[in-house]
N, C-alpha and C. Protein backbone atom coordinates (compact mmCIF):
# COMPACT_ATOMS: atom_id res chain seq x y z
N UNK A 1 158.19 125.58 252.44
CA UNK A 1 158.38 124.73 251.27
C UNK A 1 157.08 123.99 250.96
N UNK A 2 156.59 124.15 249.76
CA UNK A 2 155.35 123.50 249.37
C UNK A 2 155.64 122.08 248.92
N UNK A 3 154.85 121.14 249.41
CA UNK A 3 154.97 119.76 248.97
C UNK A 3 153.62 119.26 248.49
N UNK A 4 153.67 118.50 247.41
CA UNK A 4 152.47 117.84 246.89
C UNK A 4 152.74 116.34 246.94
N UNK A 5 151.84 115.60 247.56
CA UNK A 5 152.04 114.16 247.73
C UNK A 5 150.85 113.42 247.16
N UNK A 6 151.12 112.65 246.10
CA UNK A 6 150.07 111.86 245.47
C UNK A 6 149.96 110.48 246.11
N UNK A 7 148.77 109.93 246.01
CA UNK A 7 148.53 108.57 246.50
C UNK A 7 147.35 107.99 245.74
N UNK A 8 147.21 106.67 245.80
CA UNK A 8 146.03 106.02 245.24
C UNK A 8 146.24 105.26 243.95
N UNK A 9 147.45 105.32 243.39
CA UNK A 9 147.70 104.58 242.17
C UNK A 9 147.73 103.08 242.43
N UNK A 10 147.77 102.33 241.34
CA UNK A 10 147.82 100.88 241.48
C UNK A 10 147.52 100.19 240.17
N UNK A 11 147.30 98.89 240.27
CA UNK A 11 147.00 98.05 239.11
C UNK A 11 145.50 97.74 239.13
N UNK A 12 144.85 97.95 237.99
CA UNK A 12 143.41 97.72 237.90
C UNK A 12 143.10 97.16 236.52
N UNK A 13 142.06 96.37 236.44
CA UNK A 13 141.63 95.84 235.15
C UNK A 13 140.86 96.88 234.36
N UNK A 14 140.89 96.74 233.07
CA UNK A 14 140.13 97.65 232.21
C UNK A 14 138.66 97.66 232.64
N UNK A 15 138.09 98.86 232.67
CA UNK A 15 136.73 99.02 233.14
C UNK A 15 136.61 99.34 234.61
N UNK A 16 137.71 99.19 235.32
CA UNK A 16 137.71 99.44 236.75
C UNK A 16 137.89 100.91 237.10
N UNK A 17 138.01 101.17 238.41
CA UNK A 17 138.10 102.54 238.90
C UNK A 17 139.25 102.68 239.90
N UNK A 18 139.77 103.88 239.97
CA UNK A 18 140.75 104.25 241.00
C UNK A 18 140.47 105.70 241.39
N UNK A 19 140.82 106.05 242.62
CA UNK A 19 140.76 107.45 243.04
C UNK A 19 142.13 107.88 243.51
N UNK A 20 142.68 108.86 242.83
CA UNK A 20 143.96 109.44 243.22
C UNK A 20 143.71 110.63 244.14
N UNK A 21 144.65 110.85 245.04
CA UNK A 21 144.59 112.02 245.90
C UNK A 21 145.91 112.75 245.85
N UNK A 22 145.84 114.04 246.10
CA UNK A 22 147.03 114.89 246.14
C UNK A 22 146.89 115.82 247.33
N UNK A 23 147.71 115.59 248.32
CA UNK A 23 147.66 116.41 249.52
C UNK A 23 148.75 117.47 249.45
N UNK A 24 148.38 118.69 249.79
CA UNK A 24 149.35 119.78 249.79
C UNK A 24 149.77 120.07 251.22
N UNK A 25 151.01 120.44 251.39
CA UNK A 25 151.50 120.78 252.72
C UNK A 25 152.47 121.93 252.60
N UNK A 26 152.70 122.58 253.69
CA UNK A 26 153.63 123.70 253.70
C UNK A 26 152.93 125.03 253.62
N UNK A 27 151.91 125.14 252.79
CA UNK A 27 151.12 126.35 252.67
C UNK A 27 149.71 125.98 252.27
N UNK A 28 148.77 126.69 252.81
CA UNK A 28 147.39 126.51 252.37
C UNK A 28 147.24 127.13 250.99
N UNK A 29 146.57 126.43 250.10
CA UNK A 29 146.34 126.90 248.74
C UNK A 29 147.61 127.48 248.12
N UNK A 30 148.62 126.65 247.88
CA UNK A 30 149.88 127.18 247.33
C UNK A 30 149.67 127.93 246.03
N UNK A 31 148.70 127.52 245.27
CA UNK A 31 148.36 128.19 244.03
C UNK A 31 146.85 128.04 243.82
N UNK A 32 146.22 128.92 243.05
CA UNK A 32 144.77 128.84 242.90
C UNK A 32 144.28 127.70 242.03
N UNK A 33 145.16 127.12 241.24
CA UNK A 33 144.75 126.04 240.34
C UNK A 33 145.55 124.77 240.66
N UNK A 34 144.85 123.67 240.74
CA UNK A 34 145.49 122.36 240.90
C UNK A 34 145.18 121.53 239.67
N UNK A 35 146.21 120.87 239.16
CA UNK A 35 146.02 120.08 237.95
C UNK A 35 146.55 118.67 238.11
N UNK A 36 146.04 117.79 237.26
CA UNK A 36 146.57 116.42 237.14
C UNK A 36 147.12 116.26 235.72
N UNK A 37 148.30 115.69 235.66
CA UNK A 37 148.94 115.36 234.40
C UNK A 37 149.33 113.90 234.44
N UNK A 38 149.67 113.35 233.28
CA UNK A 38 150.16 111.98 233.23
C UNK A 38 151.22 111.85 232.16
N UNK A 39 152.09 110.87 232.38
CA UNK A 39 153.17 110.64 231.42
C UNK A 39 153.38 109.15 231.28
N UNK A 40 153.20 108.65 230.07
CA UNK A 40 153.46 107.25 229.76
C UNK A 40 154.88 107.12 229.24
N UNK A 41 155.48 105.94 229.34
CA UNK A 41 156.85 105.75 228.85
C UNK A 41 156.99 106.15 227.39
N UNK A 42 158.00 106.96 227.11
CA UNK A 42 158.27 107.38 225.75
C UNK A 42 157.37 108.49 225.23
N UNK A 43 156.49 109.00 226.08
CA UNK A 43 155.57 110.05 225.66
C UNK A 43 155.78 111.30 226.51
N UNK A 44 155.28 112.42 225.99
CA UNK A 44 155.36 113.67 226.73
C UNK A 44 154.30 113.71 227.83
N UNK A 45 154.57 114.53 228.82
CA UNK A 45 153.61 114.72 229.89
C UNK A 45 152.37 115.43 229.31
N UNK A 46 151.21 114.92 229.64
CA UNK A 46 149.99 115.49 229.07
C UNK A 46 148.98 115.86 230.15
N UNK A 47 148.22 116.89 229.85
CA UNK A 47 147.19 117.39 230.74
C UNK A 47 146.05 116.39 230.86
N UNK A 48 145.55 116.24 232.09
CA UNK A 48 144.40 115.37 232.33
C UNK A 48 143.21 116.20 232.80
N UNK A 49 143.39 116.96 233.86
CA UNK A 49 142.28 117.74 234.42
C UNK A 49 142.84 118.83 235.33
N UNK A 50 142.02 119.85 235.57
CA UNK A 50 142.42 120.92 236.48
C UNK A 50 141.20 121.49 237.16
N UNK A 51 141.43 122.07 238.34
CA UNK A 51 140.35 122.68 239.11
C UNK A 51 140.86 123.97 239.73
N UNK A 52 140.00 124.98 239.76
CA UNK A 52 140.31 126.23 240.43
C UNK A 52 139.66 126.17 241.80
N UNK A 53 140.49 126.30 242.84
CA UNK A 53 140.02 126.12 244.20
C UNK A 53 138.81 127.00 244.51
N UNK A 54 138.92 128.30 244.18
CA UNK A 54 137.93 129.26 244.66
C UNK A 54 136.55 129.03 244.06
N UNK A 55 136.49 128.61 242.81
CA UNK A 55 135.21 128.51 242.13
C UNK A 55 134.80 127.08 241.82
N UNK A 56 135.70 126.14 242.01
CA UNK A 56 135.52 124.73 241.62
C UNK A 56 135.33 124.57 240.12
N UNK A 57 135.71 125.58 239.35
CA UNK A 57 135.67 125.45 237.89
C UNK A 57 136.65 124.38 237.48
N UNK A 58 136.25 123.53 236.54
CA UNK A 58 137.10 122.41 236.12
C UNK A 58 137.29 122.38 234.61
N UNK A 59 138.38 121.75 234.22
CA UNK A 59 138.68 121.50 232.81
C UNK A 59 139.16 120.06 232.68
N UNK A 60 138.88 119.45 231.54
CA UNK A 60 139.30 118.07 231.30
C UNK A 60 139.87 117.92 229.90
N UNK A 61 140.81 116.98 229.78
CA UNK A 61 141.25 116.58 228.45
C UNK A 61 140.12 115.79 227.79
N UNK A 62 140.05 115.89 226.48
CA UNK A 62 138.98 115.19 225.75
C UNK A 62 139.04 113.68 225.99
N UNK A 63 140.24 113.16 226.18
CA UNK A 63 140.42 111.72 226.33
C UNK A 63 139.85 111.17 227.62
N UNK A 64 139.61 112.05 228.61
CA UNK A 64 139.11 111.56 229.91
C UNK A 64 137.76 112.15 230.28
N UNK A 65 137.29 113.13 229.52
CA UNK A 65 136.02 113.78 229.86
C UNK A 65 134.90 112.75 229.88
N UNK A 66 134.11 112.78 230.95
CA UNK A 66 133.02 111.83 231.11
C UNK A 66 133.41 110.59 231.87
N UNK A 67 134.72 110.35 232.03
CA UNK A 67 135.19 109.18 232.78
C UNK A 67 135.89 109.59 234.06
N UNK A 68 136.60 110.71 234.03
CA UNK A 68 137.36 111.18 235.19
C UNK A 68 136.67 112.40 235.79
N UNK A 69 136.80 112.55 237.10
CA UNK A 69 136.26 113.71 237.80
C UNK A 69 137.29 114.25 238.78
N UNK A 70 137.59 115.54 238.65
CA UNK A 70 138.50 116.19 239.58
C UNK A 70 137.67 116.95 240.61
N UNK A 71 138.12 116.89 241.86
CA UNK A 71 137.42 117.60 242.93
C UNK A 71 138.43 118.01 244.00
N UNK A 72 138.01 118.93 244.86
CA UNK A 72 138.91 119.39 245.90
C UNK A 72 138.21 119.46 247.23
N UNK A 73 138.97 119.23 248.28
CA UNK A 73 138.48 119.37 249.65
C UNK A 73 139.31 120.46 250.29
N UNK A 74 138.72 121.65 250.40
CA UNK A 74 139.47 122.79 250.92
C UNK A 74 139.92 122.56 252.36
N UNK A 75 139.09 121.91 253.15
CA UNK A 75 139.43 121.71 254.56
C UNK A 75 140.64 120.80 254.72
N UNK A 76 140.82 119.88 253.79
CA UNK A 76 141.94 118.94 253.86
C UNK A 76 143.08 119.32 252.95
N UNK A 77 142.94 120.43 252.22
CA UNK A 77 143.97 120.84 251.25
C UNK A 77 144.33 119.69 250.33
N UNK A 78 143.32 119.00 249.85
CA UNK A 78 143.54 117.81 249.05
C UNK A 78 142.69 117.88 247.78
N UNK A 79 143.28 117.47 246.69
CA UNK A 79 142.55 117.38 245.43
C UNK A 79 142.50 115.91 245.02
N UNK A 80 141.40 115.51 244.41
CA UNK A 80 141.19 114.12 244.03
C UNK A 80 140.97 114.00 242.54
N UNK A 81 141.28 112.81 242.03
CA UNK A 81 140.95 112.48 240.65
C UNK A 81 140.28 111.11 240.68
N UNK A 82 138.97 111.11 240.50
CA UNK A 82 138.22 109.87 240.42
C UNK A 82 138.25 109.40 238.98
N UNK A 83 138.76 108.19 238.78
CA UNK A 83 138.93 107.65 237.43
C UNK A 83 138.06 106.42 237.28
N UNK A 84 137.09 106.49 236.40
CA UNK A 84 136.19 105.38 236.14
C UNK A 84 136.37 104.89 234.70
N UNK A 85 135.86 103.71 234.44
CA UNK A 85 135.92 103.13 233.08
C UNK A 85 137.34 103.20 232.53
N UNK A 86 138.29 102.79 233.33
CA UNK A 86 139.69 102.90 232.94
C UNK A 86 140.01 102.02 231.75
N UNK A 87 140.93 102.52 230.92
CA UNK A 87 141.36 101.83 229.71
C UNK A 87 142.86 101.58 229.78
N UNK A 88 143.36 100.59 229.05
CA UNK A 88 144.81 100.36 229.05
C UNK A 88 145.60 101.62 228.65
N UNK A 89 145.05 102.43 227.78
CA UNK A 89 145.76 103.65 227.36
C UNK A 89 145.81 104.71 228.45
N UNK A 90 145.13 104.50 229.57
CA UNK A 90 145.25 105.40 230.71
C UNK A 90 146.48 105.08 231.56
N UNK A 91 147.16 103.99 231.24
CA UNK A 91 148.36 103.61 231.99
C UNK A 91 149.42 104.69 231.88
N UNK A 92 149.88 105.18 233.02
CA UNK A 92 150.88 106.25 233.06
C UNK A 92 151.25 106.55 234.49
N UNK A 93 152.27 107.39 234.63
CA UNK A 93 152.60 107.98 235.93
C UNK A 93 151.79 109.27 236.04
N UNK A 94 150.99 109.37 237.08
CA UNK A 94 150.10 110.52 237.25
C UNK A 94 150.70 111.49 238.26
N UNK A 95 150.74 112.76 237.87
CA UNK A 95 151.30 113.81 238.71
C UNK A 95 150.23 114.85 239.04
N UNK A 96 150.28 115.38 240.25
CA UNK A 96 149.49 116.57 240.51
C UNK A 96 150.43 117.77 240.51
N UNK A 97 149.85 118.93 240.25
CA UNK A 97 150.65 120.14 240.12
C UNK A 97 149.82 121.33 240.56
N UNK A 98 150.52 122.39 240.97
CA UNK A 98 149.87 123.62 241.41
C UNK A 98 150.37 124.78 240.56
N UNK A 99 149.45 125.64 240.13
CA UNK A 99 149.86 126.77 239.30
C UNK A 99 148.86 127.91 239.36
N UNK A 100 149.13 128.96 238.57
CA UNK A 100 148.24 130.12 238.58
C UNK A 100 147.14 130.08 237.54
N UNK A 101 147.46 129.83 236.27
CA UNK A 101 146.38 129.88 235.30
C UNK A 101 145.73 128.52 235.15
N UNK A 102 144.51 128.50 234.64
CA UNK A 102 143.86 127.26 234.27
C UNK A 102 144.46 126.88 232.92
N UNK A 103 145.51 126.10 232.92
CA UNK A 103 146.28 125.86 231.71
C UNK A 103 146.48 124.38 231.49
N UNK A 104 146.72 124.02 230.23
CA UNK A 104 146.97 122.63 229.89
C UNK A 104 148.44 122.34 229.69
N UNK A 105 149.27 123.37 229.68
CA UNK A 105 150.69 123.17 229.47
C UNK A 105 151.41 122.97 230.80
N UNK A 106 152.26 121.96 230.90
CA UNK A 106 152.96 121.70 232.16
C UNK A 106 153.77 122.90 232.65
N UNK A 107 154.30 123.70 231.74
CA UNK A 107 155.17 124.81 232.16
C UNK A 107 154.41 125.89 232.92
N UNK A 108 153.08 125.85 232.89
CA UNK A 108 152.29 126.83 233.62
C UNK A 108 152.19 126.50 235.10
N UNK A 109 152.64 125.33 235.49
CA UNK A 109 152.54 124.88 236.88
C UNK A 109 153.93 124.88 237.49
N UNK A 110 154.05 125.38 238.72
CA UNK A 110 155.39 125.50 239.29
C UNK A 110 155.64 124.64 240.51
N UNK A 111 154.66 123.89 240.98
CA UNK A 111 154.90 122.90 242.02
C UNK A 111 154.37 121.56 241.53
N UNK A 112 155.17 120.52 241.77
CA UNK A 112 154.82 119.19 241.27
C UNK A 112 155.03 118.14 242.35
N UNK A 113 154.19 117.12 242.32
CA UNK A 113 154.41 115.96 243.16
C UNK A 113 155.33 114.97 242.48
N UNK A 114 155.60 113.86 243.16
CA UNK A 114 156.52 112.85 242.64
C UNK A 114 155.84 111.86 241.71
N UNK A 115 154.53 111.82 241.72
CA UNK A 115 153.81 110.94 240.82
C UNK A 115 153.37 109.64 241.48
N UNK A 116 152.28 109.09 240.96
CA UNK A 116 151.79 107.79 241.40
C UNK A 116 151.43 106.98 240.16
N UNK A 117 151.87 105.72 240.14
CA UNK A 117 151.72 104.90 238.94
C UNK A 117 150.31 104.30 238.86
N UNK A 118 149.72 104.42 237.68
CA UNK A 118 148.44 103.78 237.38
C UNK A 118 148.67 102.83 236.22
N UNK A 119 148.34 101.57 236.42
CA UNK A 119 148.49 100.56 235.38
C UNK A 119 147.14 99.88 235.16
N UNK A 120 146.68 99.90 233.90
CA UNK A 120 145.40 99.31 233.57
C UNK A 120 145.65 98.12 232.65
N UNK A 121 145.24 96.95 233.10
CA UNK A 121 145.46 95.73 232.33
C UNK A 121 144.20 95.34 231.56
N UNK A 122 144.41 94.53 230.53
CA UNK A 122 143.27 94.07 229.74
C UNK A 122 142.44 93.05 230.50
């Protein structure tokens, strides 16, 4: 059974930073692509960033490009999301996910974590 466990969320002031982590267990490299999504209250789940384990190729949503960085540690089976220059509009529940294609649609990913809350105050 594959499990994804997120950590690192919290409350931060605008302009601050947080680093999220997503540890995988049950199988090494459950899928070749790991992604981060977020969902704010009343909104749909949206793509944030993704990384392909084998090549470290990355993709970012326009809203976070230049502020967020996704990376992976193969030895620890962990993917990270470094979030800098945070804005109140970044407030959401952040999920990591594992899937096959480098995709921005949630339905392309078939394993999901429970989420970690990120709240950015003014």
